[in-house]
Amino acid sequence: MEAITTQQSRAARGLLDWSQSKLAAMSNLSESTIRDFEKGRRLPGPNNLAAIRAALEAAGVQFLGDGDTAAGPGVALR
């Protein structure tokens, strides 16, 4: 599983109309973990990044890698 970027996390929440609180609850993480990650203050550990990604994917987000779009990594709704 590829790590997600801060931009992908913010964009995915935007597509779903989720707050940071909602993402934290859906990924079983603290809101400060989500907030600090998305602001670039710290990089969560691999398990926490996987939990964020899994919560967003379960809600219908598809993560696009560098080779999937001309603009680089991104997100889309399935």
PDB file of N, CA and C in Angstrom:
ATOM      1  N   MET A   1       0.853  -1.188   0.000  1.00  0.00           N
ATOM      2  CA  MET A   1       0.000   0.000   0.000  1.00  0.00           C
ATOM      3  C   MET A   1       0.892   1.243   0.000  1.00  0.00           C
ATOM      4  N   GLU A   2       0.653   2.121  -0.934  1.00  0.00           N
ATOM      5  CA  GLU A   2       1.418   3.349  -1.067  1.00  0.00           C
ATOM      6  C   GLU A   2       0.973   4.368  -0.024  1.00  0.00           C
ATOM      7  N   ALA A   3       1.923   5.113   0.527  1.00  0.00           N
ATOM      8  CA  ALA A   3       1.594   6.160   1.503  1.00  0.00           C
ATOM      9  C   ALA A   3       0.826   7.284   0.809  1.00  0.00           C
ATOM     10  N   ILE A   4      -0.041   7.928   1.553  1.00  0.00           N
ATOM     11  CA  ILE A   4      -0.795   9.056   0.998  1.00  0.00           C
ATOM     12  C   ILE A   4      -0.124  10.360   1.394  1.00  0.00           C
ATOM     13  N   THR A   5      -0.387  11.394   0.626  1.00  0.00           N
ATOM     14  CA  THR A   5       0.173  12.716   0.919  1.00  0.00           C
ATOM     15  C   THR A   5      -0.828  13.539   1.724  1.00  0.00           C
ATOM     16  N   THR A   6      -0.322  14.604   2.308  1.00  0.00           N
ATOM     17  CA  THR A   6      -1.202  15.515   3.046  1.00  0.00           C
ATOM     18  C   THR A   6      -2.264  16.099   2.114  1.00  0.00           C
ATOM     19  N   GLN A   7      -1.850  16.406   0.880  1.00  0.00           N
ATOM     20  CA  GLN A   7      -2.782  16.978  -0.092  1.00  0.00           C
ATOM     21  C   GLN A   7      -3.877  15.984  -0.457  1.00  0.00           C
ATOM     22  N   GLN A   8      -3.511  14.713  -0.608  1.00  0.00           N
ATOM     23  CA  GLN A   8      -4.512  13.690  -0.919  1.00  0.00           C
ATOM     24  C   GLN A   8      -5.507  13.542   0.221  1.00  0.00           C
ATOM     25  N   SER A   9      -5.029  13.603   1.449  1.00  0.00           N
ATOM     26  CA  SER A   9      -5.928  13.480   2.600  1.00  0.00           C
ATOM     27  C   SER A   9      -6.930  14.631   2.618  1.00  0.00           C
ATOM     28  N   ARG A  10      -6.437  15.856   2.443  1.00  0.00           N
ATOM     29  CA  ARG A  10      -7.334  17.020   2.436  1.00  0.00           C
ATOM     30  C   ARG A  10      -8.328  16.953   1.280  1.00  0.00           C
ATOM     31  N   ALA A  11      -7.826  16.571   0.091  1.00  0.00           N
ATOM     32  CA  ALA A  11      -8.698  16.493  -1.082  1.00  0.00           C
ATOM     33  C   ALA A  11      -9.752  15.405  -0.912  1.00  0.00           C
ATOM     34  N   ALA A  12      -9.357  14.277  -0.358  1.00  0.00           N
ATOM     35  CA  ALA A  12     -10.302  13.180  -0.140  1.00  0.00           C
ATOM     36  C   ALA A  12     -11.389  13.605   0.848  1.00  0.00           C
ATOM     37  N   ARG A  13     -10.999  14.286   1.902  1.00  0.00           N
ATOM     38  CA  ARG A  13     -12.011  14.778   2.856  1.00  0.00           C
ATOM     39  C   ARG A  13     -12.956  15.750   2.173  1.00  0.00           C
ATOM     40  N   GLY A  14     -12.410  16.578   1.292  1.00  0.00           N
ATOM     41  CA  GLY A  14     -13.248  17.527   0.564  1.00  0.00           C
ATOM     42  C   GLY A  14     -14.262  16.825  -0.325  1.00  0.00           C
ATOM     43  N   LEU A  15     -13.819  15.776  -1.018  1.00  0.00           N
ATOM     44  CA  LEU A  15     -14.743  15.021  -1.865  1.00  0.00           C
ATOM     45  C   LEU A  15     -15.877  14.398  -1.057  1.00  0.00           C
ATOM     46  N   LEU A  16     -15.537  13.956   0.155  1.00  0.00           N
ATOM     47  CA  LEU A  16     -16.531  13.301   1.004  1.00  0.00           C
ATOM     48  C   LEU A  16     -17.300  14.282   1.890  1.00  0.00           C
ATOM     49  N   ASP A  17     -16.863  15.535   1.909  1.00  0.00           N
ATOM     50  CA  ASP A  17     -17.428  16.545   2.806  1.00  0.00           C
ATOM     51  C   ASP A  17     -17.275  16.107   4.272  1.00  0.00           C
ATOM     52  N   TRP A  18     -16.091  15.587   4.588  1.00  0.00           N
ATOM     53  CA  TRP A  18     -15.761  15.153   5.942  1.00  0.00           C
ATOM     54  C   TRP A  18     -14.898  16.198   6.622  1.00  0.00           C
ATOM     55  N   SER A  19     -15.141  16.407   7.886  1.00  0.00           N
ATOM     56  CA  SER A  19     -14.268  17.241   8.709  1.00  0.00           C
ATOM     57  C   SER A  19     -13.074  16.402   9.165  1.00  0.00           C
ATOM     58  N   GLN A  20     -12.090  17.058   9.740  1.00  0.00           N
ATOM     59  CA  GLN A  20     -10.978  16.314  10.319  1.00  0.00           C
ATOM     60  C   GLN A  20     -11.474  15.426  11.450  1.00  0.00           C
ATOM     61  N   SER A  21     -12.463  15.897  12.192  1.00  0.00           N
ATOM     62  CA  SER A  21     -13.046  15.099  13.281  1.00  0.00           C
ATOM     63  C   SER A  21     -13.677  13.819  12.751  1.00  0.00           C
ATOM     64  N   LYS A  22     -14.377  13.920  11.644  1.00  0.00           N
ATOM     65  CA  LYS A  22     -15.025  12.753  11.048  1.00  0.00           C
ATOM     66  C   LYS A  22     -13.979  11.739  10.587  1.00  0.00           C
ATOM     67  N   LEU A  23     -12.927  12.215   9.920  1.00  0.00           N
ATOM     68  CA  LEU A  23     -11.876  11.314   9.478  1.00  0.00           C
ATOM     69  C   LEU A  23     -11.198  10.657  10.673  1.00  0.00           C
ATOM     70  N   ALA A  24     -10.962  11.420  11.716  1.00  0.00           N
ATOM     71  CA  ALA A  24     -10.346  10.854  12.923  1.00  0.00           C
ATOM     72  C   ALA A  24     -11.218   9.738  13.490  1.00  0.00           C
ATOM     73  N   ALA A  25     -12.500   9.982  13.579  1.00  0.00           N
ATOM     74  CA  ALA A  25     -13.416   8.972  14.122  1.00  0.00           C
ATOM     75  C   ALA A  25     -13.466   7.736  13.235  1.00  0.00           C
ATOM     76  N   MET A  26     -13.508   7.929  11.926  1.00  0.00           N
ATOM     77  CA  MET A  26     -13.624   6.807  11.002  1.00  0.00           C
ATOM     78  C   MET A  26     -12.329   5.991  10.906  1.00  0.00           C
ATOM     79  N   SER A  27     -11.205   6.604  11.265  1.00  0.00           N
ATOM     80  CA  SER A  27      -9.924   5.899  11.213  1.00  0.00           C
ATOM     81  C   SER A  27      -9.430   5.496  12.605  1.00  0.00           C
ATOM     82  N   ASN A  28     -10.236   5.773  13.625  1.00  0.00           N
ATOM     83  CA  ASN A  28      -9.875   5.451  15.015  1.00  0.00           C
ATOM     84  C   ASN A  28      -8.564   6.101  15.446  1.00  0.00           C
ATOM     85  N   LEU A  29      -8.396   7.353  15.029  1.00  0.00           N
ATOM     86  CA  LEU A  29      -7.223   8.134  15.409  1.00  0.00           C
ATOM     87  C   LEU A  29      -7.676   9.417  16.080  1.00  0.00           C
ATOM     88  N   SER A  30      -6.754  10.122  16.686  1.00  0.00           N
ATOM     89  CA  SER A  30      -7.107  11.390  17.310  1.00  0.00           C
ATOM     90  C   SER A  30      -7.215  12.478  16.248  1.00  0.00           C
ATOM     91  N   GLU A  31      -8.013  13.472  16.556  1.00  0.00           N
ATOM     92  CA  GLU A  31      -8.148  14.608  15.634  1.00  0.00           C
ATOM     93  C   GLU A  31      -6.810  15.323  15.475  1.00  0.00           C
ATOM     94  N   SER A  32      -6.013  15.384  16.533  1.00  0.00           N
ATOM     95  CA  SER A  32      -4.709  16.058  16.432  1.00  0.00           C
ATOM     96  C   SER A  32      -3.773  15.312  15.480  1.00  0.00           C
ATOM     97  N   THR A  33      -3.890  13.998  15.393  1.00  0.00           N
ATOM     98  CA  THR A  33      -3.081  13.236  14.444  1.00  0.00           C
ATOM     99  C   THR A  33      -3.422  13.646  13.017  1.00  0.00           C
ATOM    100  N   ILE A  34      -4.724  13.762  12.729  1.00  0.00           N
ATOM    101  CA  ILE A  34      -5.158  14.170  11.384  1.00  0.00           C
ATOM    102  C   ILE A  34      -4.735  15.604  11.108  1.00  0.00           C
ATOM    103  N   ARG A  35      -4.993  16.491  12.050  1.00  0.00           N
ATOM    104  CA  ARG A  35      -4.667  17.912  11.873  1.00  0.00           C
ATOM    105  C   ARG A  35      -3.163  18.106  11.656  1.00  0.00           C
ATOM    106  N   ASP A  36      -2.338  17.478  12.492  1.00  0.00           N
ATOM    107  CA  ASP A  36      -0.891  17.648  12.360  1.00  0.00           C
ATOM    108  C   ASP A  36      -0.371  17.065  11.053  1.00  0.00           C
ATOM    109  N   PHE A  37      -0.922  15.932  10.627  1.00  0.00           N
ATOM    110  CA  PHE A  37      -0.534  15.337   9.350  1.00  0.00           C
ATOM    111  C   PHE A  37      -0.879  16.265   8.195  1.00  0.00           C
ATOM    112  N   GLU A  38      -2.115  16.742   8.165  1.00  0.00           N
ATOM    113  CA  GLU A  38      -2.556  17.572   7.039  1.00  0.00           C
ATOM    114  C   GLU A  38      -1.867  18.933   7.005  1.00  0.00           C
ATOM    115  N   LYS A  39      -1.366  19.412   8.140  1.00  0.00           N
ATOM    116  CA  LYS A  39      -0.639  20.683   8.160  1.00  0.00           C
ATOM    117  C   LYS A  39       0.858  20.473   7.944  1.00  0.00           C
ATOM    118  N   GLY A  40       1.274  19.211   7.805  1.00  0.00           N
ATOM    119  CA  GLY A  40       2.676  18.921   7.571  1.00  0.00           C
ATOM    120  C   GLY A  40       3.544  19.022   8.800  1.00  0.00           C
ATOM    121  N   ARG A  41       2.932  19.028   9.977  1.00  0.00           N
ATOM    122  CA  ARG A  41       3.700  19.135  11.218  1.00  0.00           C
ATOM    123  C   ARG A  41       4.409  17.846  11.578  1.00  0.00           C
ATOM    124  N   ARG A  42       3.780  16.720  11.254  1.00  0.00           N
ATOM    125  CA  ARG A  42       4.411  15.428  11.517  1.00  0.00           C
ATOM    126  C   ARG A  42       3.793  14.369  10.618  1.00  0.00           C
ATOM    127  N   LEU A  43       4.589  13.345  10.373  1.00  0.00           N
ATOM    128  CA  LEU A  43       4.141  12.237   9.542  1.00  0.00           C
ATOM    129  C   LEU A  43       3.727  11.096  10.467  1.00  0.00           C
ATOM    130  N   PRO A  44       2.459  10.685  10.420  1.00  0.00           N
ATOM    131  CA  PRO A  44       2.027   9.562  11.257  1.00  0.00           C
ATOM    132  C   PRO A  44       2.792   8.289  10.878  1.00  0.00           C
ATOM    133  N   GLY A  45       2.830   7.348  11.801  1.00  0.00           N
ATOM    134  CA  GLY A  45       3.464   6.067  11.525  1.00  0.00           C
ATOM    135  C   GLY A  45       2.723   5.307  10.442  1.00  0.00           C
ATOM    136  N   PRO A  46       3.349   4.262   9.923  1.00  0.00           N
ATOM    137  CA  PRO A  46       2.748   3.489   8.831  1.00  0.00           C
ATOM    138  C   PRO A  46       1.359   2.938   9.161  1.00  0.00           C
ATOM    139  N   ASN A  47       1.150   2.475  10.375  1.00  0.00           N
ATOM    140  CA  ASN A  47      -0.170   1.937  10.743  1.00  0.00           C
ATOM    141  C   ASN A  47      -1.237   3.022  10.744  1.00  0.00           C
ATOM    142  N   ASN A  48      -0.877   4.218  11.214  1.00  0.00           N
ATOM    143  CA  ASN A  48      -1.844   5.318  11.232  1.00  0.00           C
ATOM    144  C   ASN A  48      -2.143   5.808   9.821  1.00  0.00           C
ATOM    145  N   LEU A  49      -1.117   5.882   8.977  1.00  0.00           N
ATOM    146  CA  LEU A  49      -1.357   6.268   7.581  1.00  0.00           C
ATOM    147  C   LEU A  49      -2.250   5.242   6.890  1.00  0.00           C
ATOM    148  N   ALA A  50      -2.022   3.977   7.181  1.00  0.00           N
ATOM    149  CA  ALA A  50      -2.860   2.928   6.595  1.00  0.00           C
ATOM    150  C   ALA A  50      -4.295   3.047   7.080  1.00  0.00           C
ATOM    151  N   ALA A  51      -4.496   3.425   8.347  1.00  0.00           N
ATOM    152  CA  ALA A  51      -5.848   3.590   8.898  1.00  0.00           C
ATOM    153  C   ALA A  51      -6.566   4.753   8.223  1.00  0.00           C
ATOM    154  N   ILE A  52      -5.850   5.852   7.979  1.00  0.00           N
ATOM    155  CA  ILE A  52      -6.435   7.006   7.287  1.00  0.00           C
ATOM    156  C   ILE A  52      -6.856   6.594   5.880  1.00  0.00           C
ATOM    157  N   ARG A  53      -5.944   5.958   5.179  1.00  0.00           N
ATOM    158  CA  ARG A  53      -6.229   5.534   3.804  1.00  0.00           C
ATOM    159  C   ARG A  53      -7.406   4.562   3.759  1.00  0.00           C
ATOM    160  N   ALA A  54      -7.423   3.590   4.664  1.00  0.00           N
ATOM    161  CA  ALA A  54      -8.487   2.583   4.687  1.00  0.00           C
ATOM    162  C   ALA A  54      -9.850   3.221   4.943  1.00  0.00           C
ATOM    163  N   ALA A  55      -9.902   4.187   5.850  1.00  0.00           N
ATOM    164  CA  ALA A  55     -11.173   4.856   6.148  1.00  0.00           C
ATOM    165  C   ALA A  55     -11.680   5.608   4.926  1.00  0.00           C
ATOM    166  N   LEU A  56     -10.785   6.292   4.233  1.00  0.00           N
ATOM    167  CA  LEU A  56     -11.181   7.059   3.054  1.00  0.00           C
ATOM    168  C   LEU A  56     -11.579   6.137   1.903  1.00  0.00           C
ATOM    169  N   GLU A  57     -10.842   5.050   1.715  1.00  0.00           N
ATOM    170  CA  GLU A  57     -11.179   4.100   0.653  1.00  0.00           C
ATOM    171  C   GLU A  57     -12.521   3.421   0.934  1.00  0.00           C
ATOM    172  N   ALA A  58     -12.781   3.102   2.190  1.00  0.00           N
ATOM    173  CA  ALA A  58     -14.056   2.465   2.544  1.00  0.00           C
ATOM    174  C   ALA A  58     -15.234   3.382   2.236  1.00  0.00           C
ATOM    175  N   ALA A  59     -14.979   4.692   2.246  1.00  0.00           N
ATOM    176  CA  ALA A  59     -16.029   5.667   1.953  1.00  0.00           C
ATOM    177  C   ALA A  59     -16.145   5.962   0.459  1.00  0.00           C
ATOM    178  N   GLY A  60     -15.284   5.346  -0.357  1.00  0.00           N
ATOM    179  CA  GLY A  60     -15.417   5.513  -1.803  1.00  0.00           C
ATOM    180  C   GLY A  60     -14.323   6.296  -2.493  1.00  0.00           C
ATOM    181  N   VAL A  61     -13.271   6.661  -1.774  1.00  0.00           N
ATOM    182  CA  VAL A  61     -12.176   7.417  -2.383  1.00  0.00           C
ATOM    183  C   VAL A  61     -11.199   6.455  -3.044  1.00  0.00           C
ATOM    184  N   GLN A  62     -10.745   6.833  -4.224  1.00  0.00           N
ATOM    185  CA  GLN A  62      -9.715   6.085  -4.936  1.00  0.00           C
ATOM    186  C   GLN A  62      -8.469   6.953  -4.973  1.00  0.00           C
ATOM    187  N   PHE A  63      -7.343   6.392  -4.561  1.00  0.00           N
ATOM    188  CA  PHE A  63      -6.085   7.128  -4.578  1.00  0.00           C
ATOM    189  C   PHE A  63      -5.382   6.894  -5.897  1.00  0.00           C
ATOM    190  N   LEU A  64      -4.924   7.974  -6.518  1.00  0.00           N
ATOM    191  CA  LEU A  64      -4.259   7.926  -7.812  1.00  0.00           C
ATOM    192  C   LEU A  64      -2.781   8.209  -7.606  1.00  0.00           C
ATOM    193  N   GLY A  65      -1.925   7.358  -8.129  1.00  0.00           N
ATOM    194  CA  GLY A  65      -0.487   7.528  -7.995  1.00  0.00           C
ATOM    195  C   GLY A  65       0.078   8.437  -9.057  1.00  0.00           C
ATOM    196  N   ASP A  66       1.393   8.568  -9.031  1.00  0.00           N
ATOM    197  CA  ASP A  66       2.082   9.436  -9.991  1.00  0.00           C
ATOM    198  C   ASP A  66       1.776   9.073 -11.436  1.00  0.00           C
ATOM    199  N   GLY A  67       1.665   7.783 -11.739  1.00  0.00           N
ATOM    200  CA  GLY A  67       1.441   7.367 -13.112  1.00  0.00           C
ATOM    201  C   GLY A  67      -0.009   7.431 -13.555  1.00  0.00           C
ATOM    202  N   ASP A  68      -0.928   7.697 -12.609  1.00  0.00           N
ATOM    203  CA  ASP A  68      -2.355   7.693 -12.928  1.00  0.00           C
ATOM    204  C   ASP A  68      -2.865   9.017 -13.478  1.00  0.00           C
ATOM    205  N   THR A  69      -2.178  10.091 -13.178  1.00  0.00           N
ATOM    206  CA  THR A  69      -2.618  11.409 -13.652  1.00  0.00           C
ATOM    207  C   THR A  69      -1.413  12.194 -14.148  1.00  0.00           C
ATOM    208  N   ALA A  70      -1.646  13.096 -15.058  1.00  0.00           N
ATOM    209  CA  ALA A  70      -0.559  13.937 -15.576  1.00  0.00           C
ATOM    210  C   ALA A  70      -0.044  14.898 -14.499  1.00  0.00           C
ATOM    211  N   ALA A  71      -0.915  15.227 -13.540  1.00  0.00           N
ATOM    212  CA  ALA A  71      -0.552  16.195 -12.508  1.00  0.00           C
ATOM    213  C   ALA A  71       0.111  15.560 -11.297  1.00  0.00           C
ATOM    214  N   GLY A  72       0.228  14.225 -11.249  1.00  0.00           N
ATOM    215  CA  GLY A  72       0.823  13.551 -10.101  1.00  0.00           C
ATOM    216  C   GLY A  72      -0.231  12.925  -9.217  1.00  0.00           C
ATOM    217  N   PRO A  73       0.125  12.614  -7.963  1.00  0.00           N
ATOM    218  CA  PRO A  73      -0.809  11.942  -7.062  1.00  0.00           C
ATOM    219  C   PRO A  73      -2.101  12.748  -6.888  1.00  0.00           C
ATOM    220  N   GLY A  74      -3.199  12.034  -6.770  1.00  0.00           N
ATOM    221  CA  GLY A  74      -4.487  12.694  -6.586  1.00  0.00           C
ATOM    222  C   GLY A  74      -5.499  11.746  -5.989  1.00  0.00           C
ATOM    223  N   VAL A  75      -6.746  12.149  -6.008  1.00  0.00           N
ATOM    224  CA  VAL A  75      -7.864  11.335  -5.499  1.00  0.00           C
ATOM    225  C   VAL A  75      -9.058  11.488  -6.414  1.00  0.00           C
ATOM    226  N   ALA A  76      -9.931  10.503  -6.351  1.00  0.00           N
ATOM    227  CA  ALA A  76     -11.187  10.538  -7.094  1.00  0.00           C
ATOM    228  C   ALA A  76     -12.192   9.708  -6.323  1.00  0.00           C
ATOM    229  N   LEU A  77     -13.469   9.939  -6.611  1.00  0.00           N
ATOM    230  CA  LEU A  77     -14.498   9.089  -6.035  1.00  0.00           C
ATOM    231  C   LEU A  77     -14.757   7.933  -6.991  1.00  0.00           C
ATOM    232  N   ARG A  78     -14.926   6.742  -6.443  1.00  0.00           N
ATOM    233  CA  ARG A  78     -15.235   5.577  -7.266  1.00  0.00           C
ATOM    234  C   ARG A  78     -16.637   5.680  -7.786  1.00  0.00           C
TER     235      ARG A  78
END
